[in-house]
N, C-alpha and C. Protein backbone atom coordinates (compact mmCIF):
# COMPACT_ATOMS: atom_id res chain seq x y z
N MET A 1 0.58 -1.10 -0.11
CA MET A 1 0.00 0.04 -0.06
C MET A 1 0.91 1.21 -0.06
N SER A 2 0.61 2.09 -0.90
CA SER A 2 1.26 3.43 -1.03
C SER A 2 1.08 4.43 0.09
N ALA A 3 1.95 5.11 0.32
CA ALA A 3 1.94 6.16 1.59
C ALA A 3 0.87 7.36 1.06
N PRO A 4 0.16 7.73 2.10
CA PRO A 4 -0.77 8.83 1.74
C PRO A 4 -0.05 10.17 1.30
N HIS A 5 -0.64 11.05 0.48
CA HIS A 5 -0.08 12.28 0.12
C HIS A 5 -0.61 13.25 1.16
N VAL A 6 0.20 14.24 1.27
CA VAL A 6 0.01 15.34 2.19
C VAL A 6 0.01 16.69 1.57
N ARG A 7 -1.15 17.34 1.45
CA ARG A 7 -1.12 18.58 0.73
C ARG A 7 -1.77 19.71 1.54
N GLY A 8 -1.09 20.74 1.83
CA GLY A 8 -1.61 21.78 2.74
C GLY A 8 -2.04 21.27 4.01
N GLY A 9 -1.35 20.40 4.59
CA GLY A 9 -1.59 19.91 6.03
C GLY A 9 -2.62 18.64 5.99
N ALA A 10 -3.36 18.45 4.95
CA ALA A 10 -4.30 17.35 4.82
C ALA A 10 -3.80 16.14 4.33
N THR A 11 -4.21 15.00 4.93
CA THR A 11 -3.74 13.76 4.46
C THR A 11 -4.77 13.34 3.32
N LEU A 12 -4.19 12.93 2.09
CA LEU A 12 -5.04 12.59 0.97
C LEU A 12 -4.87 11.19 0.55
N PRO A 13 -5.88 10.63 0.31
CA PRO A 13 -5.75 9.04 -0.14
C PRO A 13 -4.63 9.13 -1.41
N PRO A 14 -4.06 8.04 -1.62
CA PRO A 14 -3.21 7.84 -2.91
C PRO A 14 -4.18 8.10 -4.20
N PRO A 15 -3.58 8.53 -5.20
CA PRO A 15 -4.45 8.70 -6.40
C PRO A 15 -4.80 7.56 -7.01
N ARG A 16 -5.90 7.37 -7.58
CA ARG A 16 -6.61 6.11 -8.24
C ARG A 16 -5.96 6.03 -9.56
N ALA A 17 -6.03 4.88 -10.18
CA ALA A 17 -5.76 4.77 -11.56
C ALA A 17 -6.92 5.49 -12.39
N PRO A 18 -6.66 6.07 -13.55
CA PRO A 18 -7.74 6.68 -14.39
C PRO A 18 -8.62 5.74 -14.75
N ARG A 19 -10.00 6.08 -14.79
CA ARG A 19 -11.02 5.27 -15.14
C ARG A 19 -11.40 5.50 -16.76
N PRO A 20 -11.79 4.69 -17.50
CA PRO A 20 -12.25 5.08 -18.80
C PRO A 20 -13.57 6.03 -18.81
N PRO A 21 -13.66 6.84 -19.83
CA PRO A 21 -14.89 7.61 -19.71
C PRO A 21 -16.10 7.18 -19.42
N ALA A 22 -17.09 7.61 -18.73
CA ALA A 22 -18.44 7.05 -18.35
C ALA A 22 -19.19 6.99 -19.67
N ALA A 23 -19.90 5.98 -19.98
CA ALA A 23 -20.91 5.74 -20.95
C ALA A 23 -22.17 6.60 -20.38
N GLY A 24 -22.84 6.94 -21.74
CA GLY A 24 -24.10 7.98 -21.41
C GLY A 24 -24.81 7.60 -20.13
N PRO A 25 -25.41 6.26 -20.12
CA PRO A 25 -26.23 5.89 -18.90
C PRO A 25 -25.47 6.01 -17.60
N ALA A 26 -24.32 5.60 -17.67
CA ALA A 26 -23.52 5.71 -16.45
C ALA A 26 -23.44 7.21 -15.83
N LEU A 27 -22.90 7.94 -16.88
CA LEU A 27 -22.87 9.40 -16.57
C LEU A 27 -24.28 10.19 -16.17
N ARG A 28 -25.27 9.68 -16.84
CA ARG A 28 -26.75 10.23 -16.44
C ARG A 28 -26.94 9.89 -14.84
N GLU A 29 -26.66 8.62 -14.50
CA GLU A 29 -27.01 8.14 -12.97
C GLU A 29 -26.00 8.77 -12.34
N THR A 30 -24.87 9.03 -12.67
CA THR A 30 -23.88 9.72 -11.61
C THR A 30 -24.33 11.21 -11.53
N MET A 31 -24.67 11.95 -12.46
CA MET A 31 -25.08 13.30 -12.42
C MET A 31 -26.34 13.62 -11.81
N ALA A 32 -27.18 12.34 -11.68
CA ALA A 32 -28.38 12.55 -10.93
C ALA A 32 -28.14 12.63 -9.50
N ARG A 33 -27.16 12.53 -9.16
CA ARG A 33 -26.63 12.81 -7.62
C ARG A 33 -26.45 14.33 -7.39
N PHE A 34 -26.48 15.08 -8.52
CA PHE A 34 -26.03 16.30 -8.37
C PHE A 34 -27.37 17.35 -8.42
N ALA A 35 -27.86 17.88 -7.14
CA ALA A 35 -29.09 18.68 -7.17
C ALA A 35 -28.71 19.93 -7.93
N THR A 36 -29.71 20.20 -8.84
CA THR A 36 -29.68 21.42 -9.71
C THR A 36 -31.04 22.22 -9.69
N GLY A 37 -30.99 23.64 -9.75
CA GLY A 37 -32.14 24.44 -9.73
C GLY A 37 -32.89 24.06 -11.07
N ILE A 38 -34.03 24.66 -11.09
CA ILE A 38 -34.92 24.28 -12.32
C ILE A 38 -35.16 25.92 -12.92
N THR A 39 -35.08 25.85 -14.48
CA THR A 39 -35.34 27.12 -14.97
C THR A 39 -36.29 26.91 -16.19
N VAL A 40 -36.85 27.84 -16.52
CA VAL A 40 -37.35 27.81 -17.94
C VAL A 40 -36.85 28.90 -18.81
N LEU A 41 -36.05 28.35 -19.94
CA LEU A 41 -35.31 29.18 -20.74
C LEU A 41 -36.48 29.55 -21.82
N THR A 42 -36.38 30.79 -22.32
CA THR A 42 -37.43 31.40 -23.15
C THR A 42 -36.78 32.32 -24.34
N THR A 43 -37.32 32.29 -25.55
CA THR A 43 -36.85 33.36 -26.49
C THR A 43 -38.21 33.92 -27.01
N GLY A 44 -38.01 35.21 -27.66
CA GLY A 44 -39.22 35.84 -28.16
C GLY A 44 -39.09 36.29 -29.50
N GLY A 45 -39.76 36.99 -30.01
CA GLY A 45 -40.04 37.42 -31.39
C GLY A 45 -40.58 36.29 -32.30
N GLU A 46 -39.90 36.22 -33.54
CA GLU A 46 -40.43 35.22 -34.32
C GLU A 46 -40.23 33.65 -34.11
N GLN A 47 -39.24 33.50 -33.15
CA GLN A 47 -38.79 32.41 -32.57
C GLN A 47 -39.14 32.07 -31.13
N VAL A 48 -40.42 32.52 -30.62
CA VAL A 48 -41.04 32.43 -29.40
C VAL A 48 -40.86 31.00 -28.96
N HIS A 49 -40.49 30.51 -27.92
CA HIS A 49 -40.25 29.35 -27.49
C HIS A 49 -39.72 29.09 -26.03
N GLY A 50 -40.24 28.05 -25.35
CA GLY A 50 -39.97 27.92 -24.02
C GLY A 50 -39.36 26.55 -23.76
N MET A 51 -38.54 26.27 -22.85
CA MET A 51 -37.87 25.01 -22.54
C MET A 51 -37.30 25.00 -21.10
N THR A 52 -37.86 23.85 -20.46
CA THR A 52 -37.40 23.62 -19.05
C THR A 52 -35.90 23.03 -19.14
N ALA A 53 -35.13 23.78 -18.30
CA ALA A 53 -33.49 23.36 -18.44
C ALA A 53 -33.05 23.64 -16.90
N ASN A 54 -32.12 22.52 -16.67
CA ASN A 54 -31.40 22.70 -15.38
C ASN A 54 -29.79 22.88 -15.44
N ALA A 55 -29.51 22.86 -16.98
CA ALA A 55 -28.07 23.10 -17.26
C ALA A 55 -27.82 24.58 -17.42
N PHE A 56 -27.90 25.23 -16.19
CA PHE A 56 -27.81 26.74 -16.23
C PHE A 56 -27.00 27.10 -15.16
N SER A 57 -26.00 28.04 -15.27
CA SER A 57 -25.15 28.56 -13.98
C SER A 57 -24.78 30.05 -14.33
N SER A 58 -24.55 30.56 -13.18
CA SER A 58 -23.72 31.94 -13.34
C SER A 58 -22.22 31.62 -13.66
N VAL A 59 -21.67 32.54 -14.55
CA VAL A 59 -20.31 32.20 -15.04
C VAL A 59 -19.43 33.48 -14.45
N SER A 60 -19.91 34.82 -14.31
CA SER A 60 -19.00 35.96 -13.99
C SER A 60 -20.01 36.99 -13.53
N LEU A 61 -19.43 37.72 -12.51
CA LEU A 61 -20.24 39.08 -12.11
C LEU A 61 -19.73 40.11 -12.86
N ASP A 62 -18.41 40.21 -13.32
CA ASP A 62 -17.89 41.37 -13.90
C ASP A 62 -16.93 40.93 -15.10
N PRO A 63 -17.43 40.85 -16.26
CA PRO A 63 -18.86 41.30 -16.76
C PRO A 63 -19.99 40.28 -16.21
N PRO A 64 -21.25 40.62 -16.27
CA PRO A 64 -22.33 39.71 -15.80
C PRO A 64 -22.56 38.70 -16.97
N LEU A 65 -22.27 37.37 -16.63
CA LEU A 65 -22.48 36.42 -17.75
C LEU A 65 -23.06 35.25 -16.94
N VAL A 66 -23.81 34.45 -17.83
CA VAL A 66 -24.33 33.10 -17.43
C VAL A 66 -24.39 32.09 -18.44
N LEU A 67 -24.51 30.88 -18.21
CA LEU A 67 -24.54 29.91 -19.27
C LEU A 67 -25.77 29.17 -19.28
N CYS A 68 -26.16 28.71 -20.35
CA CYS A 68 -27.17 27.43 -20.43
C CYS A 68 -26.70 26.50 -21.52
N CYS A 69 -26.86 25.32 -21.36
CA CYS A 69 -26.47 24.22 -22.23
C CYS A 69 -27.90 23.62 -22.85
N VAL A 70 -27.67 23.64 -24.18
CA VAL A 70 -29.02 23.13 -24.90
C VAL A 70 -28.54 22.03 -25.97
N ALA A 71 -29.30 20.97 -26.02
CA ALA A 71 -29.12 20.02 -27.19
C ALA A 71 -29.09 20.76 -28.53
N ARG A 72 -28.20 20.35 -29.35
CA ARG A 72 -28.27 20.86 -30.79
C ARG A 72 -29.41 20.40 -31.48
N THR A 73 -30.17 19.25 -31.16
CA THR A 73 -31.24 18.82 -31.77
C THR A 73 -32.70 19.60 -31.30
N ALA A 74 -32.46 20.26 -30.28
CA ALA A 74 -33.63 20.96 -29.51
C ALA A 74 -34.09 22.17 -30.39
N THR A 75 -35.44 22.32 -30.41
CA THR A 75 -35.93 23.62 -30.96
C THR A 75 -35.35 24.85 -30.25
N MET A 76 -35.13 24.92 -29.00
CA MET A 76 -34.56 25.98 -28.26
C MET A 76 -33.17 26.30 -28.88
N HIS A 77 -32.44 25.50 -29.31
CA HIS A 77 -31.13 25.70 -29.85
C HIS A 77 -31.24 26.61 -31.14
N ARG A 78 -32.18 26.26 -31.90
CA ARG A 78 -32.22 27.07 -33.17
C ARG A 78 -32.83 28.50 -32.65
N ALA A 79 -33.75 28.49 -31.86
CA ALA A 79 -34.34 29.75 -31.31
C ALA A 79 -33.34 30.61 -30.71
N ILE A 80 -32.66 30.27 -29.81
CA ILE A 80 -31.34 31.22 -29.26
C ILE A 80 -30.46 31.52 -30.29
N THR A 81 -30.13 30.62 -31.19
CA THR A 81 -29.10 31.01 -32.34
C THR A 81 -29.68 32.01 -33.24
N VAL A 82 -31.09 31.90 -33.48
CA VAL A 82 -31.69 32.91 -34.46
C VAL A 82 -31.82 34.27 -33.73
N THR A 83 -32.25 34.20 -32.66
CA THR A 83 -32.75 35.36 -31.98
C THR A 83 -31.57 36.27 -31.38
N GLY A 84 -30.48 35.53 -31.09
CA GLY A 84 -29.40 36.29 -30.47
C GLY A 84 -29.64 36.63 -29.01
N SER A 85 -30.79 36.03 -28.29
CA SER A 85 -30.99 36.40 -26.94
C SER A 85 -31.71 35.44 -26.47
N PHE A 86 -31.99 35.45 -25.03
CA PHE A 86 -32.76 34.58 -24.30
C PHE A 86 -33.16 35.13 -22.95
N ALA A 87 -34.12 34.58 -22.34
CA ALA A 87 -34.26 34.79 -20.95
C ALA A 87 -34.51 33.58 -20.15
N VAL A 88 -34.37 33.93 -18.69
CA VAL A 88 -34.40 32.80 -17.73
C VAL A 88 -35.30 33.11 -16.63
N SER A 89 -36.21 32.06 -16.42
CA SER A 89 -37.00 32.25 -15.17
C SER A 89 -36.73 31.16 -14.26
N VAL A 90 -36.18 31.31 -13.09
CA VAL A 90 -35.77 30.50 -12.01
C VAL A 90 -37.05 30.07 -11.30
N LEU A 91 -37.36 28.84 -11.31
CA LEU A 91 -38.58 28.57 -10.79
C LEU A 91 -38.48 28.16 -9.27
N GLY A 92 -39.87 28.67 -8.64
CA GLY A 92 -39.93 28.51 -7.26
C GLY A 92 -40.57 27.11 -6.88
N ALA A 93 -40.60 26.81 -5.53
CA ALA A 93 -40.95 25.49 -4.96
C ALA A 93 -42.33 25.15 -5.55
N GLU A 94 -43.30 25.99 -5.85
CA GLU A 94 -44.62 25.76 -6.00
C GLU A 94 -45.00 25.63 -7.58
N GLN A 95 -43.96 25.74 -8.57
CA GLN A 95 -43.91 25.84 -9.92
C GLN A 95 -43.50 24.58 -10.79
N GLU A 96 -43.71 23.36 -9.91
CA GLU A 96 -43.33 22.21 -10.47
C GLU A 96 -44.16 22.03 -11.90
N GLN A 97 -45.42 22.46 -11.94
CA GLN A 97 -46.21 22.09 -13.10
C GLN A 97 -45.84 22.91 -14.08
N LEU A 98 -45.08 23.92 -14.02
CA LEU A 98 -44.47 24.89 -15.14
C LEU A 98 -43.16 24.10 -15.67
N ALA A 99 -42.70 23.50 -14.85
CA ALA A 99 -41.33 22.67 -15.15
C ALA A 99 -41.72 21.50 -15.89
N ARG A 100 -42.96 20.81 -15.70
CA ARG A 100 -43.32 19.68 -16.35
C ARG A 100 -43.96 20.36 -17.72
N TYR A 101 -44.57 21.20 -17.71
CA TYR A 101 -45.30 21.75 -18.96
C TYR A 101 -44.28 22.01 -19.96
N PHE A 102 -43.26 22.82 -19.66
CA PHE A 102 -42.34 22.98 -20.60
C PHE A 102 -41.29 22.18 -20.83
N ALA A 103 -41.26 21.01 -20.26
CA ALA A 103 -40.45 19.82 -20.69
C ALA A 103 -41.47 18.90 -21.46
N ASP A 104 -42.65 19.01 -21.70
CA ASP A 104 -43.53 18.24 -22.37
C ASP A 104 -43.49 18.45 -23.83
N ARG A 105 -42.99 17.40 -24.49
CA ARG A 105 -42.81 17.65 -26.08
C ARG A 105 -44.14 17.73 -26.81
N ASP A 106 -45.19 17.38 -26.21
CA ASP A 106 -46.58 17.31 -26.67
C ASP A 106 -47.24 18.69 -26.48
N ARG A 107 -46.86 19.59 -25.87
CA ARG A 107 -47.45 20.92 -25.56
C ARG A 107 -47.37 21.66 -26.93
N PRO A 108 -48.29 22.85 -27.08
CA PRO A 108 -48.19 23.55 -28.32
C PRO A 108 -47.01 24.17 -28.66
N ARG A 109 -46.80 24.57 -29.85
CA ARG A 109 -45.64 25.24 -30.35
C ARG A 109 -45.83 26.64 -30.61
N GLY A 110 -44.87 27.37 -30.65
CA GLY A 110 -44.82 28.81 -30.88
C GLY A 110 -45.57 29.52 -29.82
N ALA A 111 -46.12 30.75 -30.10
CA ALA A 111 -46.65 31.58 -29.07
C ALA A 111 -47.87 30.88 -28.42
N GLU A 112 -48.62 30.08 -28.97
CA GLU A 112 -49.65 29.10 -28.28
C GLU A 112 -49.24 28.56 -27.09
N GLN A 113 -47.94 27.98 -26.81
CA GLN A 113 -47.58 27.53 -25.78
C GLN A 113 -47.48 28.28 -24.52
N PHE A 114 -47.66 29.58 -24.81
CA PHE A 114 -47.71 30.61 -23.43
C PHE A 114 -49.15 31.04 -23.26
N ASP A 115 -50.08 30.38 -23.81
CA ASP A 115 -51.60 30.76 -23.66
C ASP A 115 -51.87 30.50 -22.28
N ARG A 116 -51.41 29.13 -21.78
CA ARG A 116 -51.86 28.74 -20.58
C ARG A 116 -50.97 29.12 -19.37
N VAL A 117 -50.08 30.02 -19.42
CA VAL A 117 -49.04 30.37 -18.36
C VAL A 117 -49.26 31.88 -18.20
N ASP A 118 -48.78 32.55 -17.06
CA ASP A 118 -48.77 34.01 -16.57
C ASP A 118 -47.32 34.25 -17.12
N TRP A 119 -47.22 35.27 -17.96
CA TRP A 119 -45.90 35.84 -18.42
C TRP A 119 -46.23 37.24 -18.85
N GLN A 120 -44.95 37.96 -18.97
CA GLN A 120 -44.99 39.19 -19.84
C GLN A 120 -43.72 39.15 -20.53
N PRO A 121 -43.80 39.96 -21.59
CA PRO A 121 -42.61 39.89 -22.50
C PRO A 121 -41.44 40.80 -21.82
N GLY A 122 -40.21 40.39 -21.84
CA GLY A 122 -39.15 41.07 -21.37
C GLY A 122 -38.97 42.16 -22.09
N PRO A 123 -38.58 43.46 -21.40
CA PRO A 123 -38.62 44.74 -22.16
C PRO A 123 -37.47 44.76 -22.82
N LEU A 124 -36.21 44.21 -22.67
CA LEU A 124 -35.21 44.15 -23.47
C LEU A 124 -35.14 43.14 -24.66
N THR A 125 -35.59 41.95 -24.31
CA THR A 125 -35.51 40.83 -25.37
C THR A 125 -36.86 40.53 -26.25
N GLY A 126 -37.97 40.76 -25.34
CA GLY A 126 -39.27 40.34 -25.78
C GLY A 126 -39.36 38.88 -25.38
N ALA A 127 -38.53 38.29 -24.94
CA ALA A 127 -38.67 36.87 -24.48
C ALA A 127 -39.62 36.73 -23.22
N PRO A 128 -40.53 35.81 -23.38
CA PRO A 128 -41.49 35.74 -22.08
C PRO A 128 -40.64 35.50 -20.77
N LEU A 129 -41.08 36.15 -19.89
CA LEU A 129 -40.71 36.03 -18.30
C LEU A 129 -41.78 35.32 -17.62
N LEU A 130 -41.69 34.47 -16.90
CA LEU A 130 -42.81 33.68 -16.33
C LEU A 130 -43.08 34.32 -14.95
N GLY A 131 -44.35 34.44 -14.78
CA GLY A 131 -44.92 35.05 -13.33
C GLY A 131 -44.76 34.12 -12.25
N GLY A 132 -44.51 34.65 -11.26
CA GLY A 132 -44.23 33.76 -10.00
C GLY A 132 -42.89 33.31 -9.77
N ALA A 133 -41.80 33.32 -10.77
CA ALA A 133 -40.51 33.05 -10.71
C ALA A 133 -39.60 33.44 -9.55
N LEU A 134 -38.87 32.75 -9.04
CA LEU A 134 -37.96 33.49 -7.94
C LEU A 134 -37.06 34.49 -8.43
N ALA A 135 -36.56 34.19 -9.67
CA ALA A 135 -35.75 35.31 -10.35
C ALA A 135 -35.89 35.12 -11.96
N ARG A 136 -35.52 36.25 -12.38
CA ARG A 136 -35.85 36.47 -14.01
C ARG A 136 -34.46 37.16 -14.59
N LEU A 137 -33.97 36.79 -15.65
CA LEU A 137 -33.01 37.35 -16.36
C LEU A 137 -33.22 37.39 -17.74
N GLU A 138 -32.76 38.50 -18.32
CA GLU A 138 -32.86 38.71 -19.73
C GLU A 138 -31.37 38.81 -20.23
N CYS A 139 -30.89 37.93 -21.36
CA CYS A 139 -29.61 37.91 -21.89
C CYS A 139 -29.47 38.18 -23.41
N ARG A 140 -28.21 38.80 -23.68
CA ARG A 140 -27.82 38.70 -25.15
C ARG A 140 -26.85 37.53 -25.10
N LEU A 141 -27.16 36.91 -26.42
CA LEU A 141 -26.20 35.78 -26.77
C LEU A 141 -24.71 36.39 -26.95
N ALA A 142 -23.77 35.95 -26.21
CA ALA A 142 -22.29 36.68 -26.33
C ALA A 142 -21.54 35.73 -27.03
N GLU A 143 -21.65 34.25 -26.72
CA GLU A 143 -20.75 33.32 -27.45
C GLU A 143 -21.48 31.99 -27.25
N VAL A 144 -21.10 31.14 -28.17
CA VAL A 144 -21.65 29.74 -28.45
C VAL A 144 -20.35 28.79 -28.63
N TYR A 145 -20.33 27.84 -27.58
CA TYR A 145 -19.25 26.84 -27.70
C TYR A 145 -19.94 25.46 -27.96
N GLU A 146 -18.86 24.63 -28.52
CA GLU A 146 -19.40 23.17 -28.99
C GLU A 146 -19.11 22.53 -27.63
N GLY A 147 -20.22 21.64 -27.13
CA GLY A 147 -19.98 20.75 -25.86
C GLY A 147 -20.52 19.50 -26.15
N GLY A 148 -19.93 18.64 -27.01
CA GLY A 148 -20.53 17.34 -27.28
C GLY A 148 -21.77 17.54 -28.11
N ASP A 149 -22.84 16.83 -27.63
CA ASP A 149 -23.95 16.98 -28.36
C ASP A 149 -24.95 18.23 -28.09
N HIS A 150 -24.39 19.03 -27.21
CA HIS A 150 -25.06 20.32 -26.75
C HIS A 150 -24.05 21.52 -27.37
N SER A 151 -24.70 22.68 -27.23
CA SER A 151 -23.98 23.79 -27.34
C SER A 151 -24.09 24.66 -26.01
N ILE A 152 -22.82 25.18 -25.61
CA ILE A 152 -22.96 25.92 -24.28
C ILE A 152 -23.17 27.48 -24.82
N PHE A 153 -24.29 28.01 -24.51
CA PHE A 153 -24.65 29.54 -24.82
C PHE A 153 -24.28 30.25 -23.58
N LEU A 154 -23.34 31.22 -24.02
CA LEU A 154 -22.95 32.37 -22.95
C LEU A 154 -23.73 33.43 -23.19
N GLY A 155 -24.39 33.79 -22.20
CA GLY A 155 -25.25 35.05 -22.14
C GLY A 155 -24.73 36.28 -21.37
N GLU A 156 -24.70 37.35 -21.97
CA GLU A 156 -24.47 38.65 -21.19
C GLU A 156 -25.74 39.09 -20.55
N VAL A 157 -25.78 39.11 -19.22
CA VAL A 157 -27.11 39.36 -18.54
C VAL A 157 -27.23 41.02 -18.89
N LEU A 158 -28.35 41.20 -19.32
CA LEU A 158 -28.75 42.79 -19.46
C LEU A 158 -29.61 43.35 -18.51
N ALA A 159 -30.49 42.37 -17.73
CA ALA A 159 -31.29 42.70 -16.62
C ALA A 159 -31.67 41.65 -15.79
N THR A 160 -31.91 41.89 -14.66
CA THR A 160 -32.35 41.01 -13.62
C THR A 160 -33.46 41.47 -12.45
N GLU A 161 -34.09 40.37 -12.13
CA GLU A 161 -35.25 40.76 -11.07
C GLU A 161 -35.20 39.44 -10.19
N TRP A 162 -35.82 39.80 -8.97
CA TRP A 162 -35.97 38.55 -8.02
C TRP A 162 -37.18 38.79 -7.27
N ALA A 163 -37.73 37.75 -6.61
CA ALA A 163 -38.83 37.80 -5.74
C ALA A 163 -38.38 37.41 -4.48
N ALA A 164 -39.33 37.58 -3.54
CA ALA A 164 -38.96 37.30 -2.06
C ALA A 164 -39.50 35.74 -1.62
N GLY A 165 -39.42 34.80 -2.74
CA GLY A 165 -39.97 33.67 -2.70
C GLY A 165 -39.22 32.90 -1.48
N ASP A 166 -39.84 31.76 -0.86
CA ASP A 166 -39.49 31.25 0.36
C ASP A 166 -39.01 29.71 0.12
N GLY A 167 -39.01 29.43 -1.22
CA GLY A 167 -38.62 27.96 -1.55
C GLY A 167 -38.26 28.00 -3.12
N ALA A 168 -37.36 26.97 -3.35
CA ALA A 168 -36.88 26.78 -4.65
C ALA A 168 -37.32 25.32 -5.22
N LEU A 169 -37.27 25.24 -6.29
CA LEU A 169 -37.59 23.78 -7.02
C LEU A 169 -36.30 23.33 -7.65
N LEU A 170 -35.98 22.19 -7.15
CA LEU A 170 -34.67 21.51 -7.41
C LEU A 170 -35.07 20.14 -8.21
N PHE A 171 -34.11 19.48 -9.20
CA PHE A 171 -34.12 18.38 -9.76
C PHE A 171 -33.16 17.57 -9.18
N TYR A 172 -33.39 16.39 -8.68
CA TYR A 172 -32.49 15.45 -7.99
C TYR A 172 -32.82 14.10 -8.05
N ARG A 173 -31.99 13.17 -8.43
CA ARG A 173 -32.15 11.71 -8.68
C ARG A 173 -33.46 11.39 -9.40
N GLY A 174 -33.74 12.20 -10.58
CA GLY A 174 -34.69 12.00 -11.55
C GLY A 174 -36.14 12.66 -11.24
N GLY A 175 -36.18 13.37 -9.93
CA GLY A 175 -37.54 14.04 -9.71
C GLY A 175 -37.35 15.23 -9.13
N TYR A 176 -38.57 16.01 -8.98
CA TYR A 176 -38.58 17.21 -8.51
C TYR A 176 -38.63 17.30 -6.89
N HIS A 177 -38.07 18.25 -6.47
CA HIS A 177 -38.00 18.28 -4.97
C HIS A 177 -38.17 19.88 -4.60
N ARG A 178 -38.86 20.04 -3.49
CA ARG A 178 -38.89 21.42 -3.09
C ARG A 178 -38.09 21.66 -1.74
N VAL A 179 -37.31 22.92 -1.67
CA VAL A 179 -36.42 23.27 -0.71
C VAL A 179 -36.79 24.60 -0.23
N GLY A 180 -36.39 24.88 1.14
CA GLY A 180 -36.69 26.39 1.65
C GLY A 180 -35.29 27.00 1.17
N CYS A 181 -35.36 28.19 1.55
CA CYS A 181 -34.25 29.07 1.03
C CYS A 181 -33.29 29.45 2.30
N GLU A 182 -33.62 29.13 3.56
CA GLU A 182 -32.81 29.16 4.49
C GLU A 182 -31.42 28.42 4.51
N PRO A 183 -30.37 29.24 4.46
CA PRO A 183 -29.07 28.37 4.48
C PRO A 183 -28.65 27.67 5.64
N ALA A 184 -28.13 26.70 5.30
CA ALA A 184 -27.69 25.78 6.48
C ALA A 184 -26.90 26.24 7.46
N ASP A 185 -26.02 27.16 7.12
CA ASP A 185 -24.97 27.86 8.21
C ASP A 185 -24.83 29.29 7.76
N ARG A 186 -25.53 30.10 8.49
CA ARG A 186 -25.41 31.57 8.30
C ARG A 186 -24.08 32.30 8.79
N THR A 187 -23.39 31.58 9.46
CA THR A 187 -21.98 32.08 9.75
C THR A 187 -20.77 32.02 8.83
N ALA A 188 -20.99 30.93 7.89
CA ALA A 188 -20.21 30.76 6.85
C ALA A 188 -19.87 31.90 5.86
């Protein structure tokens, strides 16, 4: 047995031999252990469309940048590429039905898909901003990067707003979960 490595005063186990890349199903099952927030991405104008997404993240505060990852085969991929902008509505704990609705491939297409939901057009992009969301952002498409079967859309944040909601909707192990917004440790 090899001796443990010491880094910064901490004893670490010896490095493991590299593993082959995870196949799709194994990676999907592994990533299911990572809880993510739920958003609905939207585009406006001629390409009005909505899509539930959990591949969303803040990138930078200065300049203000976020990213979202979209399959190249998705309708949303073309919509973002053509419009050059997108909006993000971060869903609250009570908005699971919205998440399911915008994930349903059988919902109406185009502007009709928004007939059943509370929304208003973003003042800067025209993209639908969903009512009751915990937070909403409007973004200008800044860069597009290839990432396997997805594209990584980097958005320059043009405007933000948030609500005083008391719970968030998360996706974990293949299902939706509601959590409160109280931090586990306020001293950290």
